[in-house]
Amino acid sequence: MNQDLIPSTLSDLYNNMVGAFSVQFGKMVELVVTPGWRQYQLIIILFLWALAFLLKALTQSRWEAWARARSGWPKWRLRVLVQLMRRLTLVYFVILSWSLYLIMQHVTWPSRSYFIGVLATLAAAWLAIALIARLVRNRTLRRIFKWAMWVYATLVALNLTDDVAGFLDGVAISIGDLHISALGILKAILLIGVLLTLARIGTRAAEQGLQSNDDITPSMQVLLAKGIQVLLYGAVFLTAIRTLGFDLTGIALLSGAIGVGIGFGLQKVVSNLISGIIILMDRSIKPGDVISLGDTFGWINALGARYVSVVTRDGREYLIPNEDLITNQVVNWSHSDKFVRLDLDFGTSYDDDPHKVRSTAIRAVKAVTRVLSGGSHEPVCHITGFGDSSVDYVLRFWISDPTKGLTNIRGNVYLALWDAFKEEGISIPFPQREVRLLPDGVTVQQIVEE
């Protein structure tokens, strides 16, 4: 590029851009008012757009029927198909305009298809930008990406990129060997955006691939997914620093000093991160396990870098720090297996035969859904003592699905015992107290002495 042609000030850039746009606008005006190939190109462009609209009207129903039959496609491919269906007129216009432009470039003079090529380029760019922008989840960032790419595509189509790039490269700050220009910042922002999008897509693909592999335990799946995520986003960060022109060796000492200061302020955060890695490596807790920690009882929904998500039976989601799971006593109901033994205490009257009570209780609990029977999981009933008002028993039974709740199964067993005892005439006593009314003039002390 000739350095003399590069604008040195914002005024020069503005004048160059205004001049270029004026030339293009003048060509468009001349295209409209002057007979000849320029005017023919405008007519051809309008005809192509009308033809694209007509093709959409004729084929949209067929395309929609074909799209509905693609229900087995992956989600990303279906999303792309939906976006193309919404812009069917633009798709037809891009195909028609580029086809005609390439044919005219070989058949007639290039100048006779100049404006057709410009419009075909802009249309193709707008279609590609609209599809790529769907990868950006944030609406604000998506709009910024769209407008930035549309401006860039317009500059490319009008051959103004060299002037703008030369001016932005001249707007710079130099500190020693460090040279940061506006062009470099824009390139870094664009590169970081693309790399972050690719990192997010790569992380999601890695997570899906690990989850579909049954040979890897859930804990290792989470650990590997987090490791891949850290590596990808770390690579994006280092690339961004290098793109901006920073020397990584020069900031190593400064980053070390800052890291020490941050370490003192983030002791809990670091502790939770290390605890999370330990949990993932020793596989003591994994997604789907049923745990009890203090008053919290539920199943592990997700393992995070800082906390563990525990969902309870009432729909509440507790975010428990990883450090608490390492330092406190945790009951994992499904650590080695999913079999859980539950104990129920009850009492019957002294008038009831204990042998009959035990057999009735065992028969009743076996009829309850979710209660296991047979082998080492056979329900048992034992006498635990002779109370003040009742003979005390403990009923022990096993279940294999603690994720479905413990309180509800206990309630069902109590109901089964109630019905069975009613049927067999076994009574459940309640505490009784004897109240004696003393005659007038008689004290408690006198009765005790007697």
Protein backbone atom coordinates (compact mmCIF):
# COMPACT_ATOMS: atom_id res chain seq x y z
CA MET A 1 0.00 0.00 0.00
CA ASN A 2 1.31 3.51 -0.83
CA GLN A 3 1.93 5.28 2.49
CA ASP A 4 1.16 8.65 0.90
CA LEU A 5 -2.41 7.50 0.30
CA ILE A 6 -2.98 6.55 3.94
CA PRO A 7 -5.07 9.22 5.74
CA SER A 8 -3.15 10.75 8.63
CA THR A 9 -6.02 12.49 10.40
CA LEU A 10 -9.65 11.81 11.12
CA SER A 11 -10.56 14.65 8.77
CA ASP A 12 -8.63 13.02 5.92
CA LEU A 13 -10.31 9.69 6.59
CA TYR A 14 -13.71 11.37 6.66
CA ASN A 15 -13.01 13.18 3.40
CA ASN A 16 -11.79 9.99 1.74
CA MET A 17 -14.83 8.02 2.87
CA VAL A 18 -17.21 10.78 1.84
CA GLY A 19 -15.48 10.98 -1.50
CA ALA A 20 -15.67 7.23 -2.02
CA PHE A 21 -19.31 7.07 -1.03
CA SER A 22 -20.01 10.07 -3.25
CA VAL A 23 -18.41 8.27 -6.18
CA GLN A 24 -20.51 5.18 -5.51
CA PHE A 25 -23.65 7.26 -5.05
CA GLY A 26 -22.87 9.14 -8.25
CA LYS A 27 -22.51 5.85 -10.07
CA MET A 28 -25.86 4.74 -8.70
CA VAL A 29 -27.50 7.98 -9.83
CA GLU A 30 -25.83 7.69 -13.21
CA LEU A 31 -26.99 4.08 -13.31
CA VAL A 32 -30.57 5.21 -12.91
CA VAL A 33 -30.62 8.20 -15.26
CA THR A 34 -28.19 7.14 -17.97
CA PRO A 35 -29.29 4.57 -20.52
CA GLY A 36 -26.91 1.69 -21.10
CA TRP A 37 -25.42 -1.21 -19.19
CA ARG A 38 -25.40 0.64 -15.86
CA GLN A 39 -29.12 1.09 -16.06
CA TYR A 40 -29.51 -2.45 -17.26
CA GLN A 41 -27.69 -3.70 -14.15
CA LEU A 42 -30.20 -1.94 -11.90
CA ILE A 43 -33.05 -3.48 -13.84
CA ILE A 44 -31.36 -6.90 -13.63
CA ILE A 45 -30.91 -6.53 -9.85
CA LEU A 46 -34.58 -5.61 -9.38
CA PHE A 47 -35.57 -8.51 -11.60
CA LEU A 48 -33.41 -10.94 -9.60
CA TRP A 49 -34.95 -9.78 -6.33
CA ALA A 50 -38.47 -10.15 -7.74
CA LEU A 51 -37.55 -13.60 -9.06
CA ALA A 52 -36.17 -14.58 -5.64
CA PHE A 53 -39.39 -13.43 -3.97
CA LEU A 54 -41.45 -15.41 -6.50
CA LEU A 55 -39.34 -18.54 -5.93
CA LYS A 56 -39.89 -18.21 -2.18
CA ALA A 57 -43.65 -17.99 -2.64
CA LEU A 58 -43.65 -21.06 -4.91
CA THR A 59 -41.32 -23.29 -2.88
CA GLN A 60 -41.73 -22.22 0.75
CA SER A 61 -44.41 -24.80 1.55
CA ARG A 62 -42.30 -27.58 0.04
CA TRP A 63 -39.24 -26.48 1.96
CA GLU A 64 -41.22 -26.34 5.20
CA ALA A 65 -42.57 -29.88 4.62
CA TRP A 66 -39.05 -31.09 3.89
CA ALA A 67 -37.71 -29.35 7.02
CA ARG A 68 -40.35 -30.98 9.25
CA ALA A 69 -39.19 -34.39 8.04
CA ARG A 70 -35.65 -33.64 9.31
CA SER A 71 -36.61 -34.18 12.97
CA GLY A 72 -33.71 -36.59 13.47
CA TRP A 73 -31.05 -34.01 12.65
CA PRO A 74 -28.76 -32.56 15.36
CA LYS A 75 -30.00 -29.40 17.04
CA TRP A 76 -27.32 -27.14 15.55
CA ARG A 77 -28.23 -28.25 12.02
CA LEU A 78 -31.93 -27.68 12.69
CA ARG A 79 -31.18 -24.16 13.98
CA VAL A 80 -29.25 -23.35 10.79
CA LEU A 81 -32.14 -24.72 8.73
CA VAL A 82 -34.64 -22.53 10.58
CA GLN A 83 -32.50 -19.43 9.98
CA LEU A 84 -32.24 -20.24 6.27
CA MET A 85 -36.00 -20.76 6.04
CA ARG A 86 -36.57 -17.32 7.58
CA ARG A 87 -34.29 -15.74 4.95
CA LEU A 88 -35.39 -17.79 1.96
CA THR A 89 -35.72 -14.73 -0.32
CA LEU A 90 -32.17 -13.62 0.52
CA VAL A 91 -30.86 -17.15 -0.10
CA TYR A 92 -32.44 -17.25 -3.55
CA PHE A 93 -31.15 -13.75 -4.34
CA VAL A 94 -27.58 -14.71 -3.37
CA ILE A 95 -27.69 -17.82 -5.55
CA LEU A 96 -29.21 -15.99 -8.54
CA SER A 97 -27.01 -12.89 -8.32
CA TRP A 98 -23.74 -14.79 -7.93
CA SER A 99 -24.65 -17.20 -10.72
CA LEU A 100 -25.45 -14.34 -13.09
CA TYR A 101 -22.37 -12.37 -12.00
CA LEU A 102 -20.00 -15.26 -12.69
CA ILE A 103 -21.62 -15.90 -16.06
CA MET A 104 -21.41 -12.23 -17.09
CA GLN A 105 -17.76 -12.04 -16.01
CA HIS A 106 -16.89 -14.67 -18.62
CA VAL A 107 -19.37 -13.67 -21.31
CA THR A 108 -19.21 -9.86 -21.40
CA TRP A 109 -17.09 -6.96 -20.14
CA PRO A 110 -16.45 -6.95 -16.35
CA SER A 111 -17.72 -3.38 -16.07
CA ARG A 112 -21.14 -4.52 -17.24
CA SER A 113 -21.56 -6.64 -14.08
CA TYR A 114 -19.80 -4.40 -11.51
CA PHE A 115 -22.88 -3.36 -9.53
CA ILE A 116 -24.31 -6.87 -9.71
CA GLY A 117 -21.06 -8.14 -8.12
CA VAL A 118 -21.22 -5.50 -5.37
CA LEU A 119 -24.82 -6.38 -4.47
CA ALA A 120 -24.10 -10.12 -4.67
CA THR A 121 -21.14 -9.69 -2.30
CA LEU A 122 -23.17 -7.64 0.18
CA ALA A 123 -26.09 -10.07 0.08
CA ALA A 124 -23.83 -13.09 0.65
CA ALA A 125 -22.07 -11.26 3.49
CA TRP A 126 -25.36 -10.32 5.15
CA LEU A 127 -26.57 -13.91 4.94
CA ALA A 128 -23.35 -15.33 6.38
CA ILE A 129 -23.25 -12.75 9.18
CA ALA A 130 -26.86 -13.47 10.11
CA LEU A 131 -26.08 -17.20 10.43
CA ILE A 132 -22.78 -16.80 12.28
CA ALA A 133 -24.25 -14.25 14.70
CA ARG A 134 -26.59 -16.93 16.09
CA LEU A 135 -23.54 -18.44 17.80
CA VAL A 136 -23.41 -15.37 20.08
CA ARG A 137 -25.89 -15.89 22.90
CA ASN A 138 -25.88 -12.39 24.37
CA ARG A 139 -28.29 -10.17 22.40
CA THR A 140 -26.27 -7.00 22.89
CA LEU A 141 -23.04 -8.65 21.77
CA ARG A 142 -24.90 -10.24 18.88
CA ARG A 143 -26.09 -6.85 17.65
CA ILE A 144 -22.62 -5.35 18.00
CA PHE A 145 -21.17 -8.27 16.07
CA LYS A 146 -23.77 -7.92 13.31
CA TRP A 147 -23.26 -4.18 12.84
CA ALA A 148 -19.47 -4.45 12.95
CA MET A 149 -19.39 -7.24 10.39
CA TRP A 150 -21.93 -5.47 8.16
CA VAL A 151 -19.81 -2.32 8.20
CA TYR A 152 -16.70 -4.35 7.39
CA ALA A 153 -18.48 -6.19 4.56
CA THR A 154 -19.67 -2.88 3.13
CA LEU A 155 -16.13 -1.45 3.24
CA VAL A 156 -14.80 -4.56 1.48
CA ALA A 157 -17.45 -4.34 -1.23
CA LEU A 158 -16.66 -0.64 -1.80
CA ASN A 159 -12.84 -1.10 -1.65
CA LEU A 160 -12.41 1.21 1.35
CA THR A 161 -10.68 -1.22 3.72
CA ASP A 162 -7.13 -0.02 2.96
CA ASP A 163 -7.91 3.62 3.78
CA VAL A 164 -9.70 2.77 7.02
CA ALA A 165 -7.06 0.21 8.07
CA GLY A 166 -4.23 2.67 7.37
CA PHE A 167 -5.84 5.38 9.45
CA LEU A 168 -6.68 3.07 12.39
CA ASP A 169 -3.12 1.73 12.37
CA GLY A 170 -1.88 5.29 12.68
CA VAL A 171 -4.02 5.96 15.78
CA ALA A 172 -1.70 4.29 18.29
CA ILE A 173 -0.04 4.59 21.70
CA SER A 174 3.64 3.72 22.07
CA ILE A 175 5.18 2.96 25.48
CA GLY A 176 8.74 1.75 25.04
CA ASP A 177 8.62 -1.30 22.82
CA LEU A 178 4.87 -1.60 23.29
CA HIS A 179 2.81 -0.33 20.35
CA ILE A 180 -0.96 -0.47 20.62
CA SER A 181 -3.02 0.81 17.71
CA ALA A 182 -6.74 1.15 17.20
CA LEU A 183 -6.49 -1.37 14.36
CA GLY A 184 -4.72 -3.85 16.64
CA ILE A 185 -7.39 -3.42 19.32
CA LEU A 186 -10.16 -4.04 16.80
CA LYS A 187 -8.38 -7.12 15.47
CA ALA A 188 -7.85 -8.38 19.02
CA ILE A 189 -11.52 -7.85 19.89
CA LEU A 190 -12.61 -9.68 16.75
CA LEU A 191 -10.12 -12.50 17.34
CA ILE A 192 -11.11 -12.84 21.01
CA GLY A 193 -14.79 -12.96 20.09
CA VAL A 194 -14.18 -15.69 17.52
CA LEU A 195 -11.93 -17.67 19.86
CA LEU A 196 -14.37 -17.39 22.78
CA THR A 197 -17.17 -18.67 20.56
CA LEU A 198 -15.01 -21.55 19.35
CA ALA A 199 -13.95 -22.30 22.94
CA ARG A 200 -17.56 -22.40 24.09
CA ILE A 201 -18.53 -24.69 21.20
CA GLY A 202 -15.50 -26.91 21.84
CA THR A 203 -16.25 -27.13 25.57
CA ARG A 204 -19.86 -28.06 24.92
CA ALA A 205 -18.86 -30.69 22.34
CA ALA A 206 -16.30 -32.15 24.78
CA GLU A 207 -18.89 -32.32 27.57
CA GLN A 208 -21.38 -34.10 25.32
CA GLY A 209 -18.72 -36.52 24.14
CA LEU A 210 -17.62 -37.32 27.69
CA GLN A 211 -21.20 -37.76 28.92
CA SER A 212 -21.89 -40.26 26.15
CA ASN A 213 -18.87 -42.37 27.15
CA ASP A 214 -20.02 -44.96 29.70
CA ASP A 215 -16.44 -46.06 30.41
CA ILE A 216 -15.71 -42.78 32.21
CA THR A 217 -17.22 -42.20 35.65
CA PRO A 218 -19.41 -39.09 36.17
CA SER A 219 -16.78 -37.52 38.44
CA MET A 220 -14.03 -37.95 35.85
CA GLN A 221 -16.36 -36.63 33.16
CA VAL A 222 -16.83 -33.40 35.11
CA LEU A 223 -13.11 -33.17 35.91
CA LEU A 224 -12.06 -33.67 32.28
CA ALA A 225 -14.69 -31.20 31.06
CA LYS A 226 -13.49 -28.55 33.54
CA GLY A 227 -9.88 -29.21 32.51
CA ILE A 228 -10.69 -28.76 28.83
CA GLN A 229 -12.62 -25.59 29.62
CA VAL A 230 -9.68 -24.11 31.58
CA LEU A 231 -7.22 -24.99 28.80
CA LEU A 232 -9.35 -23.49 26.03
CA TYR A 233 -10.19 -20.27 27.84
CA GLY A 234 -6.60 -19.97 29.07
CA ALA A 235 -5.39 -20.24 25.48
CA VAL A 236 -7.85 -17.51 24.48
CA PHE A 237 -6.53 -15.24 27.25
CA LEU A 238 -2.88 -15.76 26.27
CA THR A 239 -3.70 -15.22 22.59
CA ALA A 240 -5.48 -11.97 23.42
CA ILE A 241 -2.46 -10.72 25.40
CA ARG A 242 -0.09 -11.58 22.57
CA THR A 243 -2.37 -10.02 19.95
CA LEU A 244 -2.40 -6.72 21.80
CA GLY A 245 1.40 -6.73 21.76
CA PHE A 246 2.16 -7.39 25.43
CA ASP A 247 5.35 -9.27 26.26
CA LEU A 248 4.41 -12.13 28.57
CA THR A 249 7.94 -12.39 30.01
CA GLY A 250 7.87 -8.76 30.99
CA ILE A 251 4.71 -9.05 33.04
CA ALA A 252 5.61 -12.36 34.70
CA LEU A 253 7.06 -10.70 37.83
CA LEU A 254 4.15 -8.29 38.11
CA SER A 255 1.61 -11.08 37.69
CA GLY A 256 3.39 -13.09 40.40
CA ALA A 257 3.18 -10.22 42.87
CA ILE A 258 -0.46 -9.62 42.01
CA GLY A 259 -1.14 -13.35 42.38
CA VAL A 260 0.24 -13.35 45.93
CA GLY A 261 -1.99 -10.44 46.90
CA ILE A 262 -5.02 -12.00 45.29
CA GLY A 263 -4.26 -15.32 46.98
CA PHE A 264 -4.62 -13.80 50.46
CA GLY A 265 -7.93 -12.23 49.53
CA LEU A 266 -9.31 -15.33 47.84
CA GLN A 267 -8.37 -18.02 50.34
CA LYS A 268 -11.92 -19.38 50.53
CA VAL A 269 -12.31 -19.37 46.76
CA VAL A 270 -9.02 -21.22 46.28
CA SER A 271 -9.94 -23.63 49.06
CA ASN A 272 -13.25 -24.40 47.34
CA LEU A 273 -11.48 -24.89 44.00
CA ILE A 274 -8.95 -27.33 45.49
CA SER A 275 -11.72 -29.12 47.40
CA GLY A 276 -13.69 -29.46 44.17
CA ILE A 277 -10.70 -31.07 42.45
CA ILE A 278 -10.26 -33.47 45.39
CA ILE A 279 -13.95 -34.43 45.26
CA LEU A 280 -13.71 -35.11 41.54
CA MET A 281 -10.52 -37.13 41.85
CA ASP A 282 -11.47 -39.36 44.80
CA ARG A 283 -15.01 -39.84 43.40
CA SER A 284 -16.55 -39.69 46.86
CA ILE A 285 -19.44 -37.64 45.47
CA LYS A 286 -20.78 -37.74 41.93
CA PRO A 287 -23.87 -36.43 40.12
CA GLY A 288 -26.94 -38.45 41.07
CA ASP A 289 -25.75 -39.41 44.56
CA VAL A 290 -28.12 -38.89 47.49
CA ILE A 291 -26.43 -37.12 50.39
CA SER A 292 -27.25 -35.66 53.78
CA LEU A 293 -25.32 -32.69 55.13
CA GLY A 294 -26.74 -31.26 58.33
CA ASP A 295 -30.43 -30.56 57.73
CA THR A 296 -30.01 -30.76 53.93
CA PHE A 297 -31.07 -34.00 52.25
CA GLY A 298 -31.17 -34.34 48.48
CA TRP A 299 -29.37 -35.57 45.42
CA ILE A 300 -26.37 -34.11 43.62
CA ASN A 301 -27.50 -32.17 40.58
CA ALA A 302 -24.15 -30.81 39.38
CA LEU A 303 -20.54 -30.47 40.50
CA GLY A 304 -19.15 -26.98 40.04
CA ALA A 305 -15.68 -25.50 40.44
CA ARG A 306 -16.74 -23.65 43.61
CA TYR A 307 -19.85 -25.41 44.88
CA VAL A 308 -22.02 -28.51 44.61
CA SER A 309 -25.66 -28.18 43.59
CA VAL A 310 -27.97 -30.27 45.80
CA VAL A 311 -31.67 -30.50 44.95
CA THR A 312 -34.05 -31.47 47.76
CA ARG A 313 -37.42 -33.17 47.58
CA ASP A 314 -39.24 -29.84 47.98
CA GLY A 315 -37.60 -28.45 44.84
CA ARG A 316 -35.06 -26.23 46.57
CA GLU A 317 -31.56 -26.12 45.16
CA TYR A 318 -28.76 -25.63 47.68
CA LEU A 319 -25.32 -24.46 46.53
CA ILE A 320 -23.00 -26.04 49.09
CA PRO A 321 -19.33 -24.91 49.02
CA ASN A 322 -16.92 -27.70 48.19
CA GLU A 323 -14.95 -27.03 51.35
CA ASP A 324 -17.95 -27.97 53.51
CA LEU A 325 -18.17 -31.37 51.82
CA ILE A 326 -14.49 -32.01 52.61
CA THR A 327 -14.36 -30.78 56.22
CA ASN A 328 -17.83 -31.80 57.48
CA GLN A 329 -19.43 -35.20 57.93
CA VAL A 330 -21.44 -36.10 54.85
CA VAL A 331 -23.79 -39.08 54.55
CA ASN A 332 -23.68 -40.45 51.00
CA TRP A 333 -26.66 -42.78 50.74
CA SER A 334 -25.53 -44.16 47.38
CA HIS A 335 -21.73 -44.07 47.56
CA SER A 336 -20.90 -47.77 47.11
CA ASP A 337 -24.43 -48.94 46.25
CA LYS A 338 -27.99 -47.63 46.26
CA PHE A 339 -29.31 -49.98 48.95
CA VAL A 340 -30.44 -48.10 52.08
CA ARG A 341 -31.74 -49.60 55.35
CA LEU A 342 -34.39 -47.68 57.26
CA ASP A 343 -35.42 -48.20 60.91
CA LEU A 344 -38.93 -47.58 62.25
CA ASP A 345 -39.69 -47.57 65.99
CA PHE A 346 -43.15 -48.44 67.31
CA GLY A 347 -44.78 -49.96 70.40
CA THR A 348 -47.71 -52.27 71.18
CA SER A 349 -49.71 -53.14 74.27
CA TYR A 350 -48.44 -55.63 76.84
CA ASP A 351 -51.56 -57.69 76.16
CA ASP A 352 -50.47 -58.44 72.56
CA ASP A 353 -48.38 -61.50 71.69
CA PRO A 354 -44.86 -60.29 70.66
CA HIS A 355 -44.46 -63.18 68.18
CA LYS A 356 -47.70 -62.18 66.48
CA VAL A 357 -46.67 -58.51 66.45
CA ARG A 358 -43.34 -59.29 64.78
CA SER A 359 -44.80 -61.54 62.08
CA THR A 360 -47.62 -59.07 61.37
CA ALA A 361 -45.18 -56.17 61.06
CA ILE A 362 -42.92 -58.09 58.66
CA ARG A 363 -45.87 -59.21 56.54
CA ALA A 364 -47.21 -55.64 56.40
CA VAL A 365 -43.90 -54.04 55.38
CA LYS A 366 -43.33 -56.58 52.60
CA ALA A 367 -46.57 -55.47 50.95
CA VAL A 368 -45.36 -51.86 50.64
CA THR A 369 -44.05 -50.77 47.25
CA ARG A 370 -40.29 -50.00 47.09
CA VAL A 371 -39.53 -52.25 50.09
CA LEU A 372 -37.08 -55.05 49.22
CA SER A 373 -37.39 -58.60 50.45
CA GLY A 374 -35.34 -61.75 50.15
CA GLY A 375 -31.72 -62.60 50.92
CA SER A 376 -29.75 -60.04 52.90
CA HIS A 377 -32.48 -57.45 52.32
CA GLU A 378 -35.21 -59.36 54.17
CA PRO A 379 -37.16 -57.11 56.61
CA VAL A 380 -36.70 -57.89 60.29
CA CYS A 381 -38.47 -56.85 63.49
CA HIS A 382 -36.89 -56.95 66.98
CA ILE A 383 -37.97 -56.10 70.51
CA THR A 384 -35.85 -53.23 71.83
CA GLY A 385 -37.23 -52.93 75.34
CA PHE A 386 -40.14 -52.85 77.75
CA GLY A 387 -41.37 -49.33 78.11
CA ASP A 388 -43.65 -47.66 80.65
CA SER A 389 -46.75 -48.09 78.53
CA SER A 390 -45.73 -50.42 75.68
CA VAL A 391 -43.45 -53.12 74.40
CA ASP A 392 -41.00 -51.32 72.09
CA TYR A 393 -39.99 -52.70 68.68
CA VAL A 394 -37.75 -51.66 65.77
CA LEU A 395 -38.71 -52.58 62.20
CA ARG A 396 -35.80 -52.62 59.71
CA PHE A 397 -36.26 -52.81 55.94
CA TRP A 398 -34.29 -52.00 52.79
CA ILE A 399 -34.95 -49.83 49.72
CA SER A 400 -32.92 -49.35 46.54
CA ASP A 401 -34.17 -45.96 45.38
CA PRO A 402 -33.35 -43.29 48.00
CA THR A 403 -33.65 -40.60 45.32
CA LYS A 404 -37.44 -41.07 45.47
CA GLY A 405 -37.51 -39.93 49.07
CA LEU A 406 -37.27 -41.38 52.58
CA THR A 407 -40.08 -39.65 54.43
CA ASN A 408 -42.73 -40.89 52.02
CA ILE A 409 -41.66 -44.53 52.30
CA ARG A 410 -41.63 -44.28 56.09
CA GLY A 411 -45.15 -42.87 55.98
CA ASN A 412 -46.35 -45.70 53.74
CA VAL A 413 -44.89 -48.31 56.09
CA TYR A 414 -46.54 -46.69 59.11
CA LEU A 415 -49.89 -46.77 57.29
CA ALA A 416 -49.37 -50.44 56.43
CA LEU A 417 -48.62 -51.22 60.09
CA TRP A 418 -51.72 -49.33 61.20
CA ASP A 419 -53.97 -51.27 58.83
CA ALA A 420 -52.38 -54.63 59.69
CA PHE A 421 -52.60 -54.05 63.48
CA LYS A 422 -56.25 -53.01 63.16
CA GLU A 423 -56.99 -56.17 61.22
CA GLU A 424 -55.20 -58.41 63.75
CA GLY A 425 -56.57 -56.65 66.82
CA ILE A 426 -53.17 -55.39 67.94
CA SER A 427 -53.39 -52.15 69.89
CA ILE A 428 -50.95 -49.29 69.87
CA PRO A 429 -51.01 -47.88 73.44
CA PHE A 430 -50.50 -44.32 74.49
CA PRO A 431 -49.06 -43.08 77.81
CA GLN A 432 -51.55 -43.22 80.69
CA ARG A 433 -51.39 -41.33 83.97
CA GLU A 434 -53.36 -41.90 87.22
CA VAL A 435 -54.72 -38.81 88.94
CA ARG A 436 -55.72 -39.08 92.62
CA LEU A 437 -57.76 -36.43 94.41
CA LEU A 438 -56.67 -35.96 98.03
CA PRO A 439 -59.29 -35.47 100.81
CA ASP A 440 -59.47 -32.15 102.54
CA GLY A 441 -56.78 -31.72 105.18
CA VAL A 442 -54.56 -34.52 103.79
CA THR A 443 -51.19 -33.54 102.32
CA VAL A 444 -48.92 -35.36 99.90
CA GLN A 445 -46.31 -35.68 102.64
CA GLN A 446 -48.75 -37.59 104.85
CA ILE A 447 -49.57 -40.02 102.04
CA VAL A 448 -45.86 -40.60 101.37
CA GLU A 449 -45.23 -41.30 105.08
CA GLU A 450 -48.06 -43.81 105.13
